[in-house]
Amino acid sequence: MLIGEVARRSGVSARMLRHYESLGLVRPSGRTGSGYREYSAQDIRRIFHIESLRALGLSLREVGRALDDPGFTPSALVGDLIGRTRERIAAETELLTRLSRIHAADPAGWEDALHVVTLLQALGSSSADARQRAALSSADDPPLPVEALVEAVLGETDPHVAGALRWALARSGDGGRALLAEGIGSPVAAVRERAVRSLAEMPGDEATGHLRDALAHPDPVVGGYAALELGARGEADAVPTLIDMIVEGRNDTEAADALSVLAGDTATADRIAARLVDRLALGTTGAPARGRLTQALAGVPGTTASRALVELSHDAERAVALTAAYLLQLRAGR
């Protein structure tokens, strides 16, 4: 079969067939009386093998080795191809993400687009100072896309940079709240903590709703941060978690402060005092926890808390009794 017919049937151009021949990949088995190349069925089969291997991403040099080296085993080369392909996909994915974020920033011109690119590069810098400056500059016009800020804050380990990123997110509008809520579902504990802490600094009802959902999270750190912020926002749903934190000694001082804020409402104050008394009455509540619960009653006004302190001033645990007596003196002096 002559080269033109081979090109038509194989889809490989005559020029490429000649290139293959020059590299020694495939040589026509014969020549016509006029000197034209003539390809046999075996030659054509080899051409298809070459094209199949090229489709896998092999270079022409690798193709030649695969076809001609009797000792060649494909496993190592295929493994290398898998690695190269993954790297290429990762690079393309990163590029697509960057382009999407530039598009989301809706730059008015190339100067704005380059400004966004500069900030995105700074957010990925190994320098904490550069990342912090980028976070503080993110509110400039055009601002950084919320998606970029959320990704940055969820991966940030430097506390100063993280604070700047949370500040930037809080000023960025409503878009980041749902993304941060998704971050709370991360399998990585550190990411969950960063997500809930960032969400706690976001104002608005949507953020409050996500924090309510976070109260039931199995990670106590997530539930604790959510409870502390909800308490500061006057959300009584946080009371059970805050009391658990006091019993367990997890940020118990902050939890007691949050309870005192919630206790500003008389009806809520009585409910909080009743819950504290119930936990004190449990036989499984040890002496250190009883002491912390007693101290928490200090920030709860009302008769229910006062009666509880009177009873606790006669508690068998001396430290608890002394704490309760001291708190009663303070109440009497108000």
Protein backbone atom coordinates (compact mmCIF):
# COMPACT_ATOMS: atom_id res chain seq x y z
CA MET A 1 0.00 0.00 0.00
CA LEU A 2 1.43 3.35 -1.01
CA ILE A 3 1.94 6.22 1.44
CA GLY A 4 -1.07 8.22 0.24
CA GLU A 5 -3.42 5.29 0.76
CA VAL A 6 -1.89 4.58 4.17
CA ALA A 7 -2.40 8.22 5.18
CA ARG A 8 -6.07 8.10 4.14
CA ARG A 9 -6.77 4.86 5.99
CA SER A 10 -4.79 5.56 9.14
CA GLY A 11 -5.51 9.27 9.57
CA VAL A 12 -1.76 9.90 9.88
CA SER A 13 -0.55 12.47 7.39
CA ALA A 14 2.05 11.56 4.78
CA ARG A 15 4.33 14.17 6.31
CA MET A 16 4.08 12.53 9.74
CA LEU A 17 4.67 9.09 8.21
CA ARG A 18 7.89 10.37 6.69
CA HIS A 19 8.82 11.84 10.10
CA TYR A 20 8.24 8.44 11.72
CA GLU A 21 10.47 6.90 9.07
CA SER A 22 13.24 9.45 9.72
CA LEU A 23 13.16 8.54 13.42
CA GLY A 24 13.23 4.84 12.66
CA LEU A 25 9.82 4.22 14.18
CA VAL A 26 8.34 2.61 11.08
CA ARG A 27 9.99 1.84 7.76
CA PRO A 28 8.12 0.75 4.66
CA SER A 29 8.88 -2.88 4.00
CA GLY A 30 9.32 -2.36 0.30
CA ARG A 31 9.52 -0.11 -2.72
CA THR A 32 7.67 -0.17 -5.99
CA GLY A 33 9.49 -0.41 -9.27
CA SER A 34 9.22 3.37 -9.47
CA GLY A 35 10.81 3.78 -6.03
CA TYR A 36 7.66 4.67 -4.11
CA ARG A 37 7.31 3.55 -0.48
CA GLU A 38 5.16 0.49 -0.06
CA TYR A 39 3.75 -0.43 3.33
CA SER A 40 2.86 -3.98 4.31
CA ALA A 41 0.02 -5.02 6.62
CA GLN A 42 2.59 -5.39 9.43
CA ASP A 43 3.85 -1.84 8.79
CA ILE A 44 0.33 -0.48 9.00
CA ARG A 45 -0.29 -2.39 12.24
CA ARG A 46 2.85 -0.80 13.68
CA ILE A 47 1.60 2.65 12.67
CA PHE A 48 -1.61 2.02 14.62
CA HIS A 49 0.45 0.85 17.61
CA ILE A 50 2.47 4.07 17.46
CA GLU A 51 -0.68 6.19 17.41
CA SER A 52 -2.20 4.24 20.30
CA LEU A 53 0.88 4.77 22.47
CA ARG A 54 1.03 8.46 21.55
CA ALA A 55 -2.60 8.76 22.64
CA LEU A 56 -1.49 7.64 26.11
CA GLY A 57 0.89 10.59 26.30
CA LEU A 58 4.14 8.84 25.42
CA SER A 59 6.79 10.79 23.58
CA LEU A 60 7.99 9.42 20.22
CA ARG A 61 11.22 8.35 21.93
CA GLU A 62 9.24 6.42 24.54
CA VAL A 63 7.08 4.91 21.80
CA GLY A 64 10.17 3.63 19.99
CA ARG A 65 11.51 2.07 23.18
CA ALA A 66 8.17 0.46 23.97
CA LEU A 67 7.96 -1.15 20.53
CA ASP A 68 11.58 -2.21 20.03
CA ASP A 69 13.05 -3.03 23.44
CA PRO A 70 12.29 -6.71 24.23
CA GLY A 71 13.02 -6.13 27.91
CA PHE A 72 10.73 -3.14 28.20
CA THR A 73 7.92 -3.45 30.76
CA PRO A 74 5.07 -0.97 30.60
CA SER A 75 4.27 -0.77 34.33
CA ALA A 76 6.98 1.76 35.24
CA LEU A 77 6.27 3.97 32.25
CA VAL A 78 2.51 3.85 32.78
CA GLY A 79 3.05 4.74 36.44
CA ASP A 80 5.15 7.70 35.38
CA LEU A 81 2.44 8.75 32.91
CA ILE A 82 -0.13 8.62 35.69
CA GLY A 83 2.04 10.89 37.83
CA ARG A 84 2.62 13.34 34.99
CA THR A 85 -1.08 13.39 34.15
CA ARG A 86 -2.04 14.10 37.74
CA GLU A 87 0.46 16.95 37.89
CA ARG A 88 -0.92 18.39 34.67
CA ILE A 89 -4.52 18.10 35.94
CA ALA A 90 -3.54 19.79 39.20
CA ALA A 91 -1.85 22.62 37.32
CA GLU A 92 -4.82 23.04 35.00
CA THR A 93 -7.22 22.95 37.94
CA GLU A 94 -5.20 25.62 39.74
CA LEU A 95 -5.22 27.77 36.62
CA LEU A 96 -8.97 27.29 36.20
CA THR A 97 -9.54 28.28 39.83
CA ARG A 98 -7.42 31.40 39.44
CA LEU A 99 -9.19 32.41 36.24
CA SER A 100 -12.60 31.83 37.85
CA ARG A 101 -11.66 34.06 40.75
CA ILE A 102 -10.42 36.82 38.51
CA HIS A 103 -13.70 36.55 36.59
CA ALA A 104 -15.67 36.69 39.85
CA ALA A 105 -13.88 39.90 40.81
CA ASP A 106 -15.34 41.45 37.62
CA PRO A 107 -12.32 43.67 36.90
CA ALA A 108 -13.09 46.81 34.90
CA GLY A 109 -9.79 46.63 33.02
CA TRP A 110 -6.42 44.94 32.86
CA GLU A 111 -5.06 47.05 35.70
CA ASP A 112 -7.82 45.76 37.97
CA ALA A 113 -7.29 42.20 36.74
CA LEU A 114 -3.56 42.40 37.48
CA HIS A 115 -4.35 43.83 40.94
CA VAL A 116 -6.46 40.74 41.69
CA VAL A 117 -3.73 38.45 40.35
CA THR A 118 -1.19 40.15 42.61
CA LEU A 119 -3.39 39.70 45.68
CA LEU A 120 -4.07 36.05 44.84
CA GLN A 121 -0.35 35.41 44.49
CA ALA A 122 0.31 37.16 47.79
CA LEU A 123 -2.30 35.01 49.55
CA GLY A 124 -0.34 31.96 48.43
CA SER A 125 3.01 33.39 49.48
CA SER A 126 5.26 31.60 51.96
CA SER A 127 5.68 34.95 53.75
CA ALA A 128 3.17 35.57 56.55
CA ASP A 129 3.67 39.33 56.17
CA ALA A 130 2.77 39.15 52.47
CA ARG A 131 -0.33 37.10 53.21
CA GLN A 132 -1.41 39.52 55.94
CA ARG A 133 -0.94 42.53 53.66
CA ALA A 134 -2.99 40.80 50.99
CA ALA A 135 -5.78 40.11 53.48
CA LEU A 136 -5.83 43.73 54.67
CA SER A 137 -5.83 44.94 51.05
CA SER A 138 -8.59 42.58 49.99
CA ALA A 139 -11.29 45.19 50.47
CA ASP A 140 -9.70 47.39 47.78
CA ASP A 141 -11.48 47.87 44.48
CA PRO A 142 -11.82 45.35 42.94
CA PRO A 143 -12.04 43.20 46.09
CA LEU A 144 -10.78 39.65 46.29
CA PRO A 145 -13.42 37.00 45.57
CA VAL A 146 -14.96 35.52 48.71
CA GLU A 147 -14.00 32.01 47.59
CA ALA A 148 -10.31 32.95 47.68
CA LEU A 149 -10.62 34.44 51.16
CA VAL A 150 -12.45 31.38 52.50
CA GLU A 151 -9.85 29.01 51.05
CA ALA A 152 -7.08 31.14 52.52
CA VAL A 153 -8.59 31.38 56.00
CA LEU A 154 -9.32 27.64 56.16
CA GLY A 155 -5.69 26.86 55.37
CA GLU A 156 -3.98 29.63 57.39
CA THR A 157 -1.84 28.58 60.35
CA ASP A 158 -0.42 31.96 61.38
CA PRO A 159 -2.77 33.51 64.00
CA HIS A 160 -2.10 37.10 62.91
CA VAL A 161 -2.78 36.35 59.24
CA ALA A 162 -5.84 34.32 60.19
CA GLY A 163 -7.21 37.28 62.14
CA ALA A 164 -6.70 39.58 59.16
CA LEU A 165 -8.41 37.09 56.87
CA ARG A 166 -11.39 36.76 59.24
CA TRP A 167 -11.64 40.55 59.31
CA ALA A 168 -11.61 40.63 55.51
CA LEU A 169 -14.25 37.92 55.31
CA ALA A 170 -16.54 39.72 57.75
CA ARG A 171 -16.42 42.76 55.41
CA SER A 172 -16.90 40.77 52.23
CA GLY A 173 -20.66 40.37 52.24
CA ASP A 174 -22.84 37.29 52.57
CA GLY A 175 -21.08 34.94 50.18
CA GLY A 176 -18.63 33.43 52.62
CA ARG A 177 -21.08 32.15 55.20
CA ALA A 178 -22.24 29.06 53.32
CA LEU A 179 -18.66 28.20 52.32
CA LEU A 180 -17.50 28.45 55.92
CA ALA A 181 -20.41 26.23 56.99
CA GLU A 182 -19.16 23.64 54.49
CA GLY A 183 -15.72 23.97 56.07
CA ILE A 184 -17.20 22.91 59.42
CA GLY A 185 -17.88 19.54 57.78
CA SER A 186 -14.20 19.02 56.93
CA PRO A 187 -12.55 15.77 58.10
CA VAL A 188 -9.60 17.86 59.31
CA ALA A 189 -10.03 19.17 62.86
CA ALA A 190 -7.90 22.29 62.30
CA VAL A 191 -9.97 23.27 59.25
CA ARG A 192 -13.20 22.81 61.23
CA GLU A 193 -11.90 25.07 63.98
CA ARG A 194 -10.85 27.79 61.52
CA ALA A 195 -14.23 27.58 59.80
CA VAL A 196 -16.31 27.99 62.95
CA ARG A 197 -14.06 30.76 64.32
CA SER A 198 -14.41 32.65 61.05
CA LEU A 199 -18.15 32.10 60.98
CA ALA A 200 -18.36 33.43 64.54
CA GLU A 201 -17.02 36.77 63.31
CA MET A 202 -19.58 37.03 60.51
CA PRO A 203 -22.60 39.16 61.37
CA GLY A 204 -26.17 38.45 60.32
CA ASP A 205 -28.94 35.90 60.72
CA GLU A 206 -27.44 33.47 58.20
CA ALA A 207 -24.24 33.16 60.22
CA THR A 208 -26.28 32.73 63.40
CA GLY A 209 -28.24 29.91 61.75
CA HIS A 210 -25.06 28.09 60.74
CA LEU A 211 -23.71 28.51 64.28
CA ARG A 212 -26.89 26.95 65.68
CA ASP A 213 -26.34 23.97 63.42
CA ALA A 214 -22.74 23.76 64.62
CA LEU A 215 -23.88 23.32 68.23
CA ALA A 216 -24.73 19.71 67.49
CA HIS A 217 -21.41 18.96 65.78
CA PRO A 218 -19.62 15.93 67.26
CA ASP A 219 -16.38 17.91 67.49
CA PRO A 220 -16.58 19.64 70.91
CA VAL A 221 -14.26 22.41 69.71
CA VAL A 222 -16.70 23.33 66.95
CA GLY A 223 -19.68 23.21 69.28
CA GLY A 224 -17.79 25.23 71.89
CA TYR A 225 -16.88 28.10 69.58
CA ALA A 226 -20.43 28.15 68.25
CA ALA A 227 -21.89 28.23 71.76
CA LEU A 228 -19.63 31.06 72.92
CA GLU A 229 -20.58 33.24 69.96
CA LEU A 230 -24.29 32.38 70.17
CA GLY A 231 -24.24 33.26 73.85
CA ALA A 232 -22.75 36.64 72.99
CA ARG A 233 -25.56 37.07 70.45
CA GLY A 234 -28.19 36.32 73.08
CA GLU A 235 -29.16 32.92 71.67
CA ALA A 236 -30.49 30.74 74.50
CA ASP A 237 -30.00 27.59 72.40
CA ALA A 238 -26.35 27.76 73.47
CA VAL A 239 -27.06 27.27 77.20
CA PRO A 240 -26.78 23.43 77.37
CA THR A 241 -23.47 23.43 75.49
CA LEU A 242 -22.10 26.27 77.63
CA ILE A 243 -22.94 24.35 80.80
CA ASP A 244 -21.29 21.22 79.38
CA MET A 245 -18.17 23.28 78.73
CA ILE A 246 -18.12 24.47 82.35
CA VAL A 247 -18.50 20.92 83.64
CA GLU A 248 -15.75 19.63 81.35
CA GLY A 249 -13.43 22.57 82.01
CA ARG A 250 -13.26 23.60 78.33
CA ASN A 251 -13.04 27.40 78.09
CA ASP A 252 -15.15 27.37 81.24
CA THR A 253 -14.44 31.03 82.11
CA GLU A 254 -15.58 32.19 78.68
CA ALA A 255 -18.60 29.89 78.89
CA ALA A 256 -19.59 31.36 82.26
CA ASP A 257 -19.24 34.87 80.82
CA ALA A 258 -21.53 33.89 77.93
CA LEU A 259 -24.09 32.55 80.41
CA SER A 260 -24.01 35.83 82.31
CA VAL A 261 -24.78 37.69 79.08
CA LEU A 262 -27.75 35.42 78.42
CA ALA A 263 -28.86 35.84 82.02
CA GLY A 264 -29.59 39.49 81.35
CA ASP A 265 -33.15 38.35 80.62
CA THR A 266 -34.94 37.45 83.86
CA ALA A 267 -36.77 34.40 82.50
CA THR A 268 -33.62 33.08 80.85
CA ALA A 269 -31.65 33.72 84.06
CA ASP A 270 -33.99 31.46 86.02
CA ARG A 271 -33.73 28.72 83.38
CA ILE A 272 -29.94 28.93 83.42
CA ALA A 273 -29.85 28.77 87.23
CA ALA A 274 -32.17 25.75 87.20
CA ARG A 275 -29.93 23.94 84.71
CA LEU A 276 -26.83 24.71 86.76
CA VAL A 277 -28.55 23.40 89.89
CA ASP A 278 -29.57 20.23 88.05
CA ARG A 279 -25.97 19.56 87.02
CA LEU A 280 -24.79 20.23 90.57
CA ALA A 281 -27.27 17.67 91.85
CA LEU A 282 -25.92 14.89 89.65
CA GLY A 283 -23.88 12.38 91.59
CA THR A 284 -21.52 12.02 88.63
CA THR A 285 -20.44 15.68 88.80
CA GLY A 286 -17.04 15.73 90.50
CA ALA A 287 -15.72 18.33 92.91
CA PRO A 288 -13.77 20.43 90.36
CA ALA A 289 -16.82 20.62 88.11
CA ARG A 290 -19.05 21.50 91.06
CA GLY A 291 -16.69 24.35 91.89
CA ARG A 292 -16.86 25.69 88.35
CA LEU A 293 -20.65 25.41 88.26
CA THR A 294 -20.86 27.28 91.57
CA GLN A 295 -18.65 30.06 90.20
CA ALA A 296 -20.89 30.26 87.12
CA LEU A 297 -23.85 31.07 89.36
CA ALA A 298 -22.08 34.33 90.24
CA GLY A 299 -23.07 35.84 86.92
CA VAL A 300 -26.69 34.70 87.08
CA PRO A 301 -29.08 37.10 88.85
CA GLY A 302 -32.38 36.14 90.43
CA THR A 303 -33.81 34.20 93.34
CA THR A 304 -33.22 30.76 91.84
CA ALA A 305 -29.46 31.35 91.69
CA SER A 306 -29.46 32.92 95.17
CA ARG A 307 -31.28 29.95 96.71
CA ALA A 308 -28.85 27.59 95.02
CA LEU A 309 -25.89 29.50 96.48
CA VAL A 310 -27.40 29.35 99.98
CA GLU A 311 -27.65 25.58 99.73
CA LEU A 312 -24.17 25.30 98.27
CA SER A 313 -22.74 27.37 101.15
CA HIS A 314 -23.40 24.24 103.29
CA ASP A 315 -21.98 21.84 100.74
CA ALA A 316 -19.91 18.90 101.96
CA GLU A 317 -17.15 19.95 99.60
CA ARG A 318 -15.37 22.73 101.54
CA ALA A 319 -14.10 24.55 98.44
CA VAL A 320 -17.61 24.64 96.97
CA ALA A 321 -19.10 25.86 100.26
CA LEU A 322 -16.52 28.63 100.64
CA THR A 323 -17.04 29.76 97.04
CA ALA A 324 -20.80 29.88 97.48
CA ALA A 325 -20.53 31.79 100.77
CA TYR A 326 -18.20 34.33 99.19
CA LEU A 327 -20.56 34.83 96.23
CA LEU A 328 -23.48 35.35 98.63
CA GLN A 329 -21.52 38.09 100.37
CA LEU A 330 -20.90 39.78 97.06
CA ARG A 331 -24.61 39.60 96.19
CA ALA A 332 -25.55 41.03 99.58
CA GLY A 333 -23.20 43.96 99.03
CA ARG A 334 -24.72 44.99 95.72
